[in-house]
Amino acid sequence: MTGTLKNSKSDRIGFAFIGVLVAALMGTCWLGMAAARQYSAEIKVAESDRLNQAKKYSEARQAAWEATQKDPNNGYALFNAAINEVAQNRYKEAIPYLEKALECMPHLPNVLRLLGQANYSIASYDKSVKYLDRYFLMNPRPAVTPEYLFNLYGQALYRGLKPGRATYVFSVADQYPGYRAEILHSRVITALLINQLTTTDYCYRRMRTSTPRKLVDPAELFSACLETNKLGTAIRFYEQLWIRGETDPEALKTLAMSYSKVKRYDEAVVVLKQAYNYASTDPEISLLLGDIHATKQDNRTAVDWYNIFLQNSKDQSLKDEVTTKVQNLKSTF
């Protein structure tokens, strides 16, 4: 009886040892297979990188995809796949790869940088700001192309209607000569949106001297002021320019559109007629004058301005629309 118990106990110990041994062997095999997959994935990552540099994007995409299949958590494989898409301006397709890469490599600045760029490129400005916020909060701060990234950061804040923060970031970007002229347009508008008329005027004057052929886009400024309820500020600024003898038709059009929006039609007409003296072939000026006179029910004068528009405009669809409007107005004479 005692011998039987001893044998039973020995058998249990033997089976337990065999179980542990099998588990260890299986674990070793699994680790070996995982290491082999990782190594194979690294080879594909290197191949994808080489093909990307050679601009063989189709082959590079395939190599990166194969790497992610072998090792779904290989952050560099995901990053390479994203770079491939970015190189072809396929920003929307790059973003899922970058988001997954960020989970694997939250410490890598280039992932955050590319997420900021990619989201900006598809007009997802809030997300762009979110990733660039994290990028610039990294310690130590990355030193890669700061002049470009401060410009991008400021533009994302501006277009995401965060003019206060944008103004500060643009002031930092202004320290880098390469982007000073490029950011002036946005600096004019952001300063205007936070009622900093002195800064607006300063940036506007710099823009007039540094980029005389590229002035403030009236449609963009007008839309930004409408969205943020800042038409009154825009009117005060452009009135200053007008009193000072401003001759830029685009600036005068912006003032006239702002007057018109608040139903100051007579003042809008005076400003537009002055703009017409400087740019008589600009179809937008005659179109605006026609619209304002039509709103005032001065139909004969509206028709006269619409006819000038029809002579100068090259936009056939808009000309067809205005032609119909002219016919309707003439029927009221």
Protein backbone atom coordinates (compact mmCIF):
# COMPACT_ATOMS: atom_id res chain seq x y z
CA MET A 1 0.00 0.00 0.00
CA THR A 2 2.83 2.34 0.93
CA GLY A 3 4.68 1.48 -2.29
CA THR A 4 1.60 2.21 -4.33
CA LEU A 5 1.26 5.65 -2.73
CA LYS A 6 4.93 6.38 -3.39
CA ASN A 7 4.57 5.36 -7.03
CA SER A 8 1.44 7.53 -7.42
CA LYS A 9 3.23 10.53 -5.93
CA SER A 10 6.23 9.96 -8.19
CA ASP A 11 3.98 9.72 -11.21
CA ARG A 12 2.33 13.06 -10.36
CA ILE A 13 5.69 14.73 -9.97
CA GLY A 14 6.84 13.22 -13.26
CA PHE A 15 3.75 14.39 -15.13
CA ALA A 16 4.05 17.89 -13.65
CA PHE A 17 7.69 18.07 -14.71
CA ILE A 18 6.81 16.94 -18.22
CA GLY A 19 4.03 19.58 -18.37
CA VAL A 20 6.42 22.33 -17.32
CA LEU A 21 8.98 21.11 -19.83
CA VAL A 22 6.42 21.05 -22.67
CA ALA A 23 5.19 24.53 -21.71
CA ALA A 24 8.76 25.81 -21.67
CA LEU A 25 9.47 24.28 -25.03
CA MET A 26 6.28 25.71 -26.50
CA GLY A 27 7.11 29.12 -25.05
CA THR A 28 10.59 28.94 -26.50
CA CYS A 29 9.19 27.98 -29.88
CA TRP A 30 6.64 30.81 -29.72
CA LEU A 31 9.33 33.32 -28.78
CA GLY A 32 11.50 32.02 -31.56
CA MET A 33 8.69 32.36 -34.09
CA ALA A 34 7.85 35.87 -32.82
CA ALA A 35 11.50 36.88 -33.08
CA ALA A 36 11.62 35.47 -36.59
CA ARG A 37 8.51 37.48 -37.56
CA GLN A 38 10.00 40.63 -36.06
CA TYR A 39 13.27 40.10 -37.87
CA SER A 40 11.43 39.45 -41.13
CA ALA A 41 9.36 42.60 -40.57
CA GLU A 42 12.53 44.66 -39.99
CA ILE A 43 13.92 43.42 -43.31
CA LYS A 44 10.73 44.57 -45.04
CA VAL A 45 10.89 47.94 -43.25
CA ALA A 46 14.42 48.48 -44.54
CA GLU A 47 13.32 47.44 -48.01
CA SER A 48 10.35 49.84 -47.89
CA ASP A 49 12.63 52.67 -46.75
CA ARG A 50 15.03 52.01 -49.61
CA LEU A 51 12.20 51.89 -52.15
CA ASN A 52 10.65 55.11 -50.79
CA GLN A 53 13.95 56.90 -51.25
CA ALA A 54 14.09 55.58 -54.80
CA LYS A 55 10.51 56.91 -55.33
CA LYS A 56 9.26 53.43 -56.16
CA TYR A 57 6.13 54.09 -54.18
CA SER A 58 4.02 51.14 -55.29
CA GLU A 59 6.72 48.64 -54.36
CA ALA A 60 7.50 50.54 -51.15
CA ARG A 61 3.83 50.42 -50.13
CA GLN A 62 3.74 46.66 -50.67
CA ALA A 63 6.92 46.12 -48.61
CA ALA A 64 5.56 48.28 -45.76
CA TRP A 65 2.23 46.45 -45.85
CA GLU A 66 4.00 43.07 -45.67
CA ALA A 67 5.99 44.32 -42.68
CA THR A 68 2.79 45.29 -40.84
CA GLN A 69 1.32 41.85 -41.57
CA LYS A 70 4.35 40.13 -40.08
CA ASP A 71 4.43 42.43 -37.04
CA PRO A 72 1.30 44.60 -36.55
CA ASN A 73 2.99 46.49 -33.71
CA ASN A 74 6.10 47.45 -35.65
CA GLY A 75 5.88 51.22 -35.34
CA TYR A 76 8.53 51.87 -37.96
CA ALA A 77 6.69 49.71 -40.49
CA LEU A 78 3.54 51.76 -39.89
CA PHE A 79 5.54 54.99 -40.07
CA ASN A 80 7.13 53.93 -43.36
CA ALA A 81 3.72 53.11 -44.79
CA ALA A 82 2.56 56.61 -43.80
CA ILE A 83 5.62 58.27 -45.34
CA ASN A 84 4.85 56.46 -48.57
CA GLU A 85 1.34 57.94 -48.64
CA VAL A 86 2.54 61.43 -47.70
CA ALA A 87 5.13 61.35 -50.48
CA GLN A 88 2.23 60.96 -52.92
CA ASN A 89 0.09 63.64 -51.22
CA ARG A 90 -2.29 60.93 -49.98
CA TYR A 91 -2.65 62.51 -46.56
CA LYS A 92 -6.01 61.00 -45.68
CA GLU A 93 -4.64 57.50 -46.33
CA ALA A 94 -1.53 58.24 -44.24
CA ILE A 95 -3.41 59.22 -41.08
CA PRO A 96 -4.58 55.71 -39.94
CA TYR A 97 -1.00 54.42 -40.24
CA LEU A 98 0.30 57.39 -38.25
CA GLU A 99 -2.33 57.03 -35.52
CA LYS A 100 -1.41 53.37 -35.09
CA ALA A 101 2.31 54.23 -35.18
CA LEU A 102 1.71 56.80 -32.42
CA GLU A 103 0.27 54.06 -30.20
CA CYS A 104 3.46 52.06 -30.71
CA MET A 105 5.91 54.98 -30.55
CA PRO A 106 4.40 57.92 -28.57
CA HIS A 107 7.93 59.18 -27.98
CA LEU A 108 8.74 59.72 -31.67
CA PRO A 109 8.43 63.43 -32.64
CA ASN A 110 8.18 62.74 -36.37
CA VAL A 111 4.92 60.83 -35.91
CA LEU A 112 3.30 63.82 -34.19
CA ARG A 113 4.80 66.18 -36.77
CA LEU A 114 3.39 64.20 -39.70
CA LEU A 115 0.00 63.86 -38.00
CA GLY A 116 -0.08 67.64 -37.69
CA GLN A 117 0.87 68.09 -41.34
CA ALA A 118 -1.49 65.40 -42.68
CA ASN A 119 -4.53 66.68 -40.77
CA TYR A 120 -3.79 70.26 -41.85
CA SER A 121 -3.60 69.12 -45.47
CA ILE A 122 -7.15 67.69 -45.32
CA ALA A 123 -8.45 70.82 -43.51
CA SER A 124 -8.87 69.00 -40.18
CA TYR A 125 -7.47 71.97 -38.31
CA ASP A 126 -8.53 71.05 -34.77
CA LYS A 127 -6.81 67.67 -35.01
CA SER A 128 -3.75 69.29 -36.55
CA VAL A 129 -3.56 71.65 -33.57
CA LYS A 130 -4.02 68.74 -31.14
CA TYR A 131 -1.01 66.86 -32.50
CA LEU A 132 1.16 69.95 -32.92
CA ASP A 133 0.34 70.94 -29.32
CA ARG A 134 1.80 67.62 -28.20
CA TYR A 135 4.77 68.04 -30.54
CA PHE A 136 5.74 71.44 -29.14
CA LEU A 137 5.22 70.29 -25.54
CA MET A 138 7.82 67.55 -25.92
CA ASN A 139 10.84 67.97 -23.68
CA PRO A 140 13.36 68.56 -25.05
CA ARG A 141 11.60 70.31 -27.92
CA PRO A 142 12.41 68.72 -31.32
CA ALA A 143 14.70 70.82 -33.49
CA VAL A 144 13.45 69.68 -36.92
CA THR A 145 12.45 72.54 -39.31
CA PRO A 146 11.09 74.85 -36.57
CA GLU A 147 10.49 77.70 -39.04
CA TYR A 148 8.16 75.54 -41.16
CA LEU A 149 6.39 73.96 -38.21
CA PHE A 150 5.73 77.25 -36.39
CA ASN A 151 4.23 78.54 -39.63
CA LEU A 152 2.08 75.39 -39.96
CA TYR A 153 1.07 75.57 -36.28
CA GLY A 154 0.02 79.19 -36.63
CA GLN A 155 -1.93 78.52 -39.82
CA ALA A 156 -3.76 75.58 -38.20
CA LEU A 157 -4.72 77.77 -35.22
CA TYR A 158 -5.79 80.62 -37.51
CA ARG A 159 -7.89 78.43 -39.79
CA GLY A 160 -9.33 76.65 -36.75
CA LEU A 161 -10.56 80.08 -35.58
CA LYS A 162 -8.19 80.39 -32.63
CA PRO A 163 -6.80 83.83 -33.54
CA GLY A 164 -5.42 84.68 -30.10
CA ARG A 165 -3.14 81.64 -29.96
CA ALA A 166 -2.36 82.01 -33.67
CA THR A 167 -1.13 85.57 -33.14
CA TYR A 168 1.37 84.40 -30.53
CA VAL A 169 2.63 81.49 -32.66
CA PHE A 170 3.00 83.76 -35.70
CA SER A 171 5.09 86.15 -33.62
CA VAL A 172 7.46 83.23 -32.92
CA ALA A 173 7.44 82.17 -36.59
CA ASP A 174 8.34 85.75 -37.51
CA GLN A 175 11.78 85.16 -35.97
CA TYR A 176 12.64 82.93 -38.93
CA PRO A 177 13.34 84.93 -42.12
CA GLY A 178 12.23 82.20 -44.51
CA TYR A 179 8.55 82.47 -43.59
CA ARG A 180 8.15 86.14 -42.62
CA ALA A 181 6.55 87.19 -45.90
CA GLU A 182 4.39 84.07 -46.15
CA ILE A 183 2.71 84.51 -42.77
CA LEU A 184 1.93 88.22 -43.13
CA HIS A 185 -1.44 87.58 -44.80
CA SER A 186 -2.60 85.42 -41.90
CA ARG A 187 -1.08 87.79 -39.33
CA VAL A 188 -3.14 90.67 -40.71
CA ILE A 189 -6.36 88.72 -40.31
CA THR A 190 -5.61 87.16 -36.91
CA ALA A 191 -4.61 90.53 -35.43
CA LEU A 192 -7.81 92.03 -36.83
CA LEU A 193 -9.93 89.26 -35.30
CA ILE A 194 -8.62 90.02 -31.80
CA ASN A 195 -9.06 93.79 -32.22
CA GLN A 196 -5.34 94.58 -32.39
CA LEU A 197 -5.65 97.31 -35.00
CA THR A 198 -2.14 98.65 -34.45
CA THR A 199 -0.63 95.21 -35.13
CA THR A 200 -2.99 94.75 -38.07
CA ASP A 201 -1.82 98.01 -39.58
CA TYR A 202 1.85 97.16 -38.96
CA CYS A 203 1.55 93.76 -40.66
CA TYR A 204 -0.48 95.23 -43.50
CA ARG A 205 2.17 97.88 -44.20
CA ARG A 206 4.89 95.20 -44.16
CA MET A 207 2.84 93.13 -46.58
CA ARG A 208 2.44 96.08 -48.94
CA THR A 209 6.21 96.55 -49.10
CA SER A 210 7.46 92.95 -48.98
CA THR A 211 4.85 91.27 -51.21
CA PRO A 212 3.17 94.05 -53.23
CA ARG A 213 1.69 91.56 -55.70
CA LYS A 214 0.17 89.37 -53.00
CA LEU A 215 -2.15 91.41 -50.83
CA VAL A 216 -4.86 90.42 -48.36
CA ASP A 217 -7.53 88.16 -49.86
CA PRO A 218 -10.78 90.11 -49.32
CA ALA A 219 -12.98 87.02 -49.46
CA GLU A 220 -10.93 85.23 -46.80
CA LEU A 221 -10.84 88.24 -44.51
CA PHE A 222 -14.53 88.96 -44.99
CA SER A 223 -15.48 85.31 -44.26
CA ALA A 224 -13.29 85.21 -41.14
CA CYS A 225 -14.86 88.44 -39.85
CA LEU A 226 -18.35 87.11 -40.50
CA GLU A 227 -17.65 83.84 -38.66
CA THR A 228 -16.26 85.65 -35.63
CA ASN A 229 -18.69 88.60 -35.70
CA LYS A 230 -15.88 91.12 -36.26
CA LEU A 231 -17.24 93.14 -39.18
CA GLY A 232 -17.19 96.31 -37.09
CA THR A 233 -13.47 95.89 -36.46
CA ALA A 234 -12.84 95.26 -40.16
CA ILE A 235 -14.75 98.41 -41.08
CA ARG A 236 -12.73 100.54 -38.63
CA PHE A 237 -9.44 99.18 -39.96
CA TYR A 238 -10.28 99.62 -43.64
CA GLU A 239 -11.74 103.06 -43.01
CA GLN A 240 -8.32 104.05 -41.63
CA LEU A 241 -6.70 102.76 -44.81
CA TRP A 242 -9.21 104.58 -46.99
CA ILE A 243 -8.74 107.89 -45.17
CA ARG A 244 -4.99 107.42 -45.52
CA GLY A 245 -5.39 107.20 -49.31
CA GLU A 246 -5.45 103.43 -49.87
CA THR A 247 -5.51 102.58 -53.57
CA ASP A 248 -5.61 98.77 -53.39
CA PRO A 249 -8.91 97.71 -55.00
CA GLU A 250 -8.97 94.52 -52.90
CA ALA A 251 -8.89 96.51 -49.67
CA LEU A 252 -11.61 98.84 -50.94
CA LYS A 253 -13.76 95.86 -51.98
CA THR A 254 -13.45 94.42 -48.47
CA LEU A 255 -14.58 97.71 -46.94
CA ALA A 256 -17.50 97.92 -49.39
CA MET A 257 -18.59 94.32 -48.68
CA SER A 258 -18.47 95.04 -44.95
CA TYR A 259 -20.55 98.22 -45.42
CA SER A 260 -23.04 96.30 -47.53
CA LYS A 261 -23.38 93.52 -44.96
CA VAL A 262 -24.45 96.06 -42.31
CA LYS A 263 -26.74 97.80 -44.86
CA ARG A 264 -24.61 100.92 -45.27
CA TYR A 265 -25.25 100.81 -49.01
CA ASP A 266 -24.53 104.43 -49.93
CA GLU A 267 -21.08 104.28 -48.34
CA ALA A 268 -20.42 100.95 -50.07
CA VAL A 269 -21.23 102.53 -53.45
CA VAL A 270 -18.84 105.45 -52.86
CA VAL A 271 -15.99 103.08 -51.97
CA LEU A 272 -16.67 100.75 -54.91
CA LYS A 273 -16.74 103.59 -57.39
CA GLN A 274 -13.33 104.65 -56.16
CA ALA A 275 -12.11 101.04 -56.52
CA TYR A 276 -13.54 101.03 -60.06
CA ASN A 277 -11.38 104.04 -60.90
CA TYR A 278 -8.31 101.98 -59.98
CA ALA A 279 -9.43 98.69 -61.58
CA SER A 280 -12.20 99.27 -64.12
CA THR A 281 -11.81 95.81 -65.67
CA ASP A 282 -12.26 93.93 -62.37
CA PRO A 283 -15.61 92.16 -62.87
CA GLU A 284 -16.18 91.73 -59.14
CA ILE A 285 -16.40 95.49 -58.59
CA SER A 286 -19.11 96.02 -61.22
CA LEU A 287 -20.94 92.90 -59.97
CA LEU A 288 -20.97 94.23 -56.41
CA LEU A 289 -22.20 97.61 -57.60
CA GLY A 290 -24.96 95.91 -59.58
CA ASP A 291 -26.00 93.85 -56.56
CA ILE A 292 -26.09 96.85 -54.24
CA HIS A 293 -28.17 98.97 -56.64
CA ALA A 294 -30.54 96.03 -57.18
CA THR A 295 -30.93 95.73 -53.40
CA LYS A 296 -31.72 99.47 -53.27
CA GLN A 297 -34.25 98.85 -56.09
CA ASP A 298 -32.38 101.25 -58.35
CA ASN A 299 -32.90 98.81 -61.20
CA ARG A 300 -31.69 100.95 -64.12
CA THR A 301 -28.36 101.67 -62.46
CA ALA A 302 -28.08 98.02 -61.45
CA VAL A 303 -28.52 96.96 -65.09
CA ASP A 304 -25.81 99.40 -66.20
CA TRP A 305 -23.31 97.89 -63.76
CA TYR A 306 -24.33 94.35 -64.60
CA ASN A 307 -23.70 95.07 -68.28
CA ILE A 308 -20.17 96.23 -67.44
CA PHE A 309 -19.71 93.00 -65.52
CA LEU A 310 -20.85 90.98 -68.53
CA GLN A 311 -18.26 92.73 -70.70
CA ASN A 312 -15.38 91.98 -68.31
CA SER A 313 -16.18 88.60 -66.80
CA LYS A 314 -14.90 85.28 -68.17
CA ASP A 315 -17.01 83.13 -65.86
CA GLN A 316 -19.69 81.85 -68.24
CA SER A 317 -21.92 80.25 -65.60
CA LEU A 318 -21.98 83.47 -63.59
CA LYS A 319 -22.56 85.51 -66.76
CA ASP A 320 -25.59 83.34 -67.57
CA GLU A 321 -26.95 83.98 -64.08
CA VAL A 322 -26.43 87.73 -64.35
CA THR A 323 -27.95 87.82 -67.85
CA THR A 324 -31.15 86.32 -66.44
CA LYS A 325 -31.08 88.85 -63.61
CA VAL A 326 -30.71 91.71 -66.13
CA GLN A 327 -33.69 90.48 -68.13
CA ASN A 328 -35.80 90.33 -64.96
CA LEU A 329 -34.77 93.84 -63.93
CA LYS A 330 -35.49 95.27 -67.38
CA SER A 331 -39.02 93.93 -67.17
CA THR A 332 -39.62 96.32 -64.26
CA PHE A 333 -38.78 99.50 -66.23
